[in-house]
Amino acid sequence: MIYLQINLNIAAQDRPTAAGVYTKFKGPFLETVAGAKSKELLIREEDVQVLHGFDSVEHAKAYLTSPLFNDDIVGALKPLLRSAPDVRIYSAA
C-alpha cells in the first residue's frame, strides 16, 4: 500500500469547515481516482492530516495533479490554510 499524507495547518475554528470538505469529496475520490483505496481524516491539536491509500506511487502522484485535487479540494480548502500543506508519499513495508 502507498500512502499520501497531507498535513494541513488549519485553525481550530475552521476545522469543522475543513471536515465538511473532506466529507464532500471522500466519495468522489474513492469512486473516480485511479488506484484510490482509502481516505482518512486525522485531527490533532497541531494540525489536520488527510491520509490517502493508493495502489501505486504513480497513482498517488497523478492524483496530486488532478482537477479533483487542485481545483475542487484545494480550491475549497485554500481560504482555511494558514500555511502551505506538507505533502508526503510513503510506501508500507
N, C-alpha and C. Protein backbone atom coordinates (compact mmCIF):
# COMPACT_ATOMS: atom_id res chain seq x y z
N MET A 1 0.85 -1.18 0.00
CA MET A 1 0.00 0.00 0.00
C MET A 1 0.90 1.24 0.00
N ILE A 2 0.48 2.23 -0.74
CA ILE A 2 1.15 3.52 -0.80
C ILE A 2 0.26 4.53 -0.08
N TYR A 3 0.88 5.38 0.74
CA TYR A 3 0.13 6.39 1.46
C TYR A 3 0.56 7.79 1.04
N LEU A 4 -0.41 8.61 0.76
CA LEU A 4 -0.21 10.03 0.50
C LEU A 4 -0.72 10.75 1.73
N GLN A 5 0.19 11.41 2.45
CA GLN A 5 -0.17 12.12 3.67
C GLN A 5 -0.09 13.62 3.39
N ILE A 6 -1.17 14.32 3.70
CA ILE A 6 -1.19 15.77 3.53
C ILE A 6 -1.53 16.39 4.88
N ASN A 7 -0.56 17.16 5.43
CA ASN A 7 -0.77 17.87 6.70
C ASN A 7 -1.22 19.28 6.39
N LEU A 8 -2.30 19.69 7.03
CA LEU A 8 -2.89 21.00 6.79
C LEU A 8 -2.88 21.81 8.07
N ASN A 9 -2.33 23.01 7.99
CA ASN A 9 -2.31 23.92 9.12
C ASN A 9 -3.59 24.76 9.05
N ILE A 10 -4.59 24.33 9.81
CA ILE A 10 -5.91 24.96 9.80
C ILE A 10 -6.28 25.32 11.23
N ALA A 11 -6.72 26.54 11.46
CA ALA A 11 -7.11 26.99 12.80
C ALA A 11 -8.25 26.14 13.34
N ALA A 12 -8.27 25.97 14.65
CA ALA A 12 -9.28 25.12 15.30
C ALA A 12 -10.70 25.52 14.91
N GLN A 13 -10.99 26.81 14.82
CA GLN A 13 -12.35 27.25 14.50
C GLN A 13 -12.73 26.93 13.05
N ASP A 14 -11.75 26.68 12.18
CA ASP A 14 -12.04 26.37 10.78
C ASP A 14 -12.06 24.87 10.49
N ARG A 15 -11.75 24.06 11.46
CA ARG A 15 -11.68 22.61 11.24
C ARG A 15 -13.02 21.97 10.90
N PRO A 16 -14.14 22.42 11.47
CA PRO A 16 -15.41 21.85 11.02
C PRO A 16 -15.67 22.08 9.53
N THR A 17 -15.28 23.24 9.02
CA THR A 17 -15.43 23.52 7.59
C THR A 17 -14.53 22.59 6.79
N ALA A 18 -13.29 22.41 7.25
CA ALA A 18 -12.36 21.50 6.57
C ALA A 18 -12.89 20.07 6.59
N ALA A 19 -13.49 19.65 7.70
CA ALA A 19 -14.07 18.31 7.77
C ALA A 19 -15.22 18.17 6.77
N GLY A 20 -15.96 19.23 6.55
CA GLY A 20 -17.02 19.21 5.54
C GLY A 20 -16.48 19.02 4.14
N VAL A 21 -15.33 19.64 3.84
CA VAL A 21 -14.69 19.46 2.54
C VAL A 21 -14.26 18.00 2.39
N TYR A 22 -13.66 17.45 3.43
CA TYR A 22 -13.26 16.04 3.42
C TYR A 22 -14.46 15.14 3.13
N THR A 23 -15.54 15.34 3.86
CA THR A 23 -16.74 14.52 3.69
C THR A 23 -17.32 14.64 2.28
N LYS A 24 -17.36 15.85 1.78
CA LYS A 24 -17.91 16.11 0.45
C LYS A 24 -17.15 15.37 -0.65
N PHE A 25 -15.82 15.31 -0.54
CA PHE A 25 -15.01 14.77 -1.62
C PHE A 25 -14.49 13.35 -1.39
N LYS A 26 -14.78 12.75 -0.24
CA LYS A 26 -14.31 11.38 0.01
C LYS A 26 -14.90 10.40 -1.01
N GLY A 27 -16.20 10.47 -1.23
CA GLY A 27 -16.85 9.57 -2.19
C GLY A 27 -16.30 9.73 -3.59
N PRO A 28 -16.28 10.94 -4.13
CA PRO A 28 -15.72 11.12 -5.47
C PRO A 28 -14.26 10.65 -5.58
N PHE A 29 -13.47 10.87 -4.52
CA PHE A 29 -12.09 10.40 -4.52
C PHE A 29 -12.06 8.88 -4.68
N LEU A 30 -12.78 8.17 -3.83
CA LEU A 30 -12.75 6.71 -3.86
C LEU A 30 -13.38 6.14 -5.13
N GLU A 31 -14.35 6.84 -5.70
CA GLU A 31 -15.06 6.33 -6.87
C GLU A 31 -14.39 6.67 -8.20
N THR A 32 -13.62 7.76 -8.26
CA THR A 32 -13.13 8.21 -9.56
C THR A 32 -11.62 8.28 -9.72
N VAL A 33 -10.86 8.28 -8.65
CA VAL A 33 -9.41 8.43 -8.75
C VAL A 33 -8.76 7.07 -8.97
N ALA A 34 -7.96 6.96 -10.01
CA ALA A 34 -7.28 5.71 -10.34
C ALA A 34 -6.40 5.26 -9.18
N GLY A 35 -6.56 4.02 -8.79
CA GLY A 35 -5.73 3.43 -7.74
C GLY A 35 -6.09 3.80 -6.32
N ALA A 36 -7.14 4.59 -6.11
CA ALA A 36 -7.54 5.01 -4.76
C ALA A 36 -8.08 3.82 -3.98
N LYS A 37 -7.59 3.66 -2.75
CA LYS A 37 -8.01 2.55 -1.88
C LYS A 37 -8.69 3.02 -0.60
N SER A 38 -8.26 4.16 -0.06
CA SER A 38 -8.81 4.63 1.22
C SER A 38 -8.54 6.12 1.38
N LYS A 39 -9.26 6.73 2.31
CA LYS A 39 -9.05 8.14 2.65
C LYS A 39 -9.55 8.34 4.08
N GLU A 40 -8.67 8.86 4.93
CA GLU A 40 -9.00 9.07 6.34
C GLU A 40 -8.64 10.50 6.75
N LEU A 41 -9.45 11.07 7.62
CA LEU A 41 -9.20 12.39 8.19
C LEU A 41 -8.71 12.21 9.62
N LEU A 42 -7.53 12.76 9.92
CA LEU A 42 -6.93 12.66 11.25
C LEU A 42 -6.78 14.07 11.81
N ILE A 43 -7.31 14.29 13.00
CA ILE A 43 -7.29 15.64 13.59
C ILE A 43 -6.46 15.59 14.87
N ARG A 44 -5.48 16.50 14.93
CA ARG A 44 -4.66 16.66 16.13
C ARG A 44 -4.75 18.12 16.56
N GLU A 45 -4.23 18.41 17.74
CA GLU A 45 -4.19 19.80 18.18
C GLU A 45 -3.31 20.63 17.25
N GLU A 46 -2.24 20.03 16.73
CA GLU A 46 -1.28 20.75 15.91
C GLU A 46 -1.75 21.01 14.48
N ASP A 47 -2.48 20.06 13.92
CA ASP A 47 -2.87 20.17 12.52
C ASP A 47 -3.96 19.17 12.18
N VAL A 48 -4.31 19.16 10.91
CA VAL A 48 -5.25 18.19 10.36
C VAL A 48 -4.49 17.42 9.29
N GLN A 49 -4.65 16.11 9.29
CA GLN A 49 -4.00 15.28 8.29
C GLN A 49 -5.05 14.53 7.49
N VAL A 50 -4.79 14.43 6.20
CA VAL A 50 -5.61 13.56 5.36
C VAL A 50 -4.68 12.48 4.84
N LEU A 51 -5.03 11.24 5.12
CA LEU A 51 -4.22 10.09 4.73
C LEU A 51 -4.96 9.33 3.64
N HIS A 52 -4.35 9.28 2.46
CA HIS A 52 -4.94 8.62 1.30
C HIS A 52 -4.19 7.32 1.04
N GLY A 53 -4.90 6.25 0.74
CA GLY A 53 -4.27 4.99 0.36
C GLY A 53 -4.38 4.77 -1.13
N PHE A 54 -3.27 4.33 -1.75
CA PHE A 54 -3.22 4.07 -3.19
C PHE A 54 -2.57 2.73 -3.47
N ASP A 55 -2.75 2.25 -4.68
CA ASP A 55 -2.12 1.00 -5.08
C ASP A 55 -0.73 1.20 -5.67
N SER A 56 -0.34 2.45 -6.00
CA SER A 56 0.99 2.70 -6.56
C SER A 56 1.41 4.16 -6.32
N VAL A 57 2.71 4.39 -6.34
CA VAL A 57 3.25 5.74 -6.21
C VAL A 57 2.79 6.58 -7.40
N GLU A 58 2.76 5.98 -8.58
CA GLU A 58 2.35 6.71 -9.78
C GLU A 58 0.93 7.24 -9.66
N HIS A 59 0.02 6.44 -9.10
CA HIS A 59 -1.36 6.90 -8.92
C HIS A 59 -1.45 8.01 -7.88
N ALA A 60 -0.65 7.92 -6.81
CA ALA A 60 -0.64 8.97 -5.79
C ALA A 60 -0.15 10.28 -6.38
N LYS A 61 0.92 10.22 -7.17
CA LYS A 61 1.46 11.43 -7.80
C LYS A 61 0.48 12.01 -8.82
N ALA A 62 -0.18 11.13 -9.57
CA ALA A 62 -1.15 11.60 -10.57
C ALA A 62 -2.31 12.32 -9.89
N TYR A 63 -2.75 11.83 -8.74
CA TYR A 63 -3.84 12.48 -8.01
C TYR A 63 -3.48 13.92 -7.65
N LEU A 64 -2.21 14.16 -7.28
CA LEU A 64 -1.78 15.50 -6.90
C LEU A 64 -1.84 16.50 -8.06
N THR A 65 -1.93 16.02 -9.28
CA THR A 65 -2.03 16.91 -10.45
C THR A 65 -3.43 16.90 -11.05
N SER A 66 -4.36 16.19 -10.43
CA SER A 66 -5.71 16.04 -10.98
C SER A 66 -6.58 17.28 -10.72
N PRO A 67 -7.57 17.51 -11.57
CA PRO A 67 -8.53 18.61 -11.34
C PRO A 67 -9.30 18.44 -10.02
N LEU A 68 -9.65 17.20 -9.66
CA LEU A 68 -10.38 16.98 -8.40
C LEU A 68 -9.55 17.53 -7.23
N PHE A 69 -8.27 17.22 -7.20
CA PHE A 69 -7.42 17.69 -6.11
C PHE A 69 -7.18 19.19 -6.20
N ASN A 70 -6.68 19.66 -7.32
CA ASN A 70 -6.25 21.06 -7.45
C ASN A 70 -7.39 22.06 -7.54
N ASP A 71 -8.40 21.75 -8.30
CA ASP A 71 -9.49 22.70 -8.49
C ASP A 71 -10.54 22.61 -7.39
N ASP A 72 -10.98 21.40 -7.12
CA ASP A 72 -12.09 21.22 -6.18
C ASP A 72 -11.64 21.24 -4.72
N ILE A 73 -10.74 20.33 -4.36
CA ILE A 73 -10.37 20.19 -2.95
C ILE A 73 -9.48 21.34 -2.48
N VAL A 74 -8.39 21.59 -3.19
CA VAL A 74 -7.51 22.70 -2.79
C VAL A 74 -8.26 24.02 -2.89
N GLY A 75 -9.08 24.18 -3.90
CA GLY A 75 -9.87 25.40 -4.03
C GLY A 75 -10.77 25.63 -2.83
N ALA A 76 -11.38 24.55 -2.32
CA ALA A 76 -12.26 24.68 -1.16
C ALA A 76 -11.48 24.91 0.13
N LEU A 77 -10.30 24.35 0.24
CA LEU A 77 -9.51 24.47 1.47
C LEU A 77 -8.64 25.72 1.52
N LYS A 78 -8.32 26.28 0.38
CA LYS A 78 -7.37 27.40 0.33
C LYS A 78 -7.67 28.54 1.30
N PRO A 79 -8.92 28.98 1.43
CA PRO A 79 -9.20 30.07 2.38
C PRO A 79 -8.95 29.69 3.84
N LEU A 80 -8.87 28.39 4.14
CA LEU A 80 -8.70 27.92 5.51
C LEU A 80 -7.24 27.69 5.89
N LEU A 81 -6.37 27.58 4.91
CA LEU A 81 -4.97 27.22 5.16
C LEU A 81 -4.17 28.40 5.71
N ARG A 82 -3.44 28.12 6.78
CA ARG A 82 -2.58 29.14 7.39
C ARG A 82 -1.16 29.08 6.84
N SER A 83 -0.82 27.99 6.15
CA SER A 83 0.48 27.83 5.50
C SER A 83 0.33 26.76 4.43
N ALA A 84 1.35 26.60 3.63
CA ALA A 84 1.31 25.59 2.56
C ALA A 84 1.22 24.19 3.16
N PRO A 85 0.44 23.31 2.55
CA PRO A 85 0.34 21.93 3.05
C PRO A 85 1.69 21.21 2.95
N ASP A 86 1.89 20.28 3.84
CA ASP A 86 3.06 19.40 3.82
C ASP A 86 2.60 18.09 3.20
N VAL A 87 3.14 17.76 2.03
CA VAL A 87 2.70 16.59 1.26
C VAL A 87 3.82 15.56 1.25
N ARG A 88 3.50 14.31 1.62
CA ARG A 88 4.48 13.24 1.65
C ARG A 88 3.87 11.95 1.12
N ILE A 89 4.69 11.17 0.44
CA ILE A 89 4.25 9.86 -0.05
C ILE A 89 5.12 8.79 0.61
N TYR A 90 4.46 7.77 1.17
CA TYR A 90 5.13 6.67 1.86
C TYR A 90 4.70 5.35 1.23
N SER A 91 5.58 4.36 1.31
CA SER A 91 5.17 3.01 0.96
C SER A 91 5.25 2.16 2.22
N ALA A 92 4.27 1.31 2.41
CA ALA A 92 4.21 0.46 3.59
C ALA A 92 5.21 -0.68 3.43
N ALA A 93 5.88 -1.01 4.51
CA ALA A 93 6.88 -2.08 4.48
C ALA A 93 6.19 -3.43 4.65
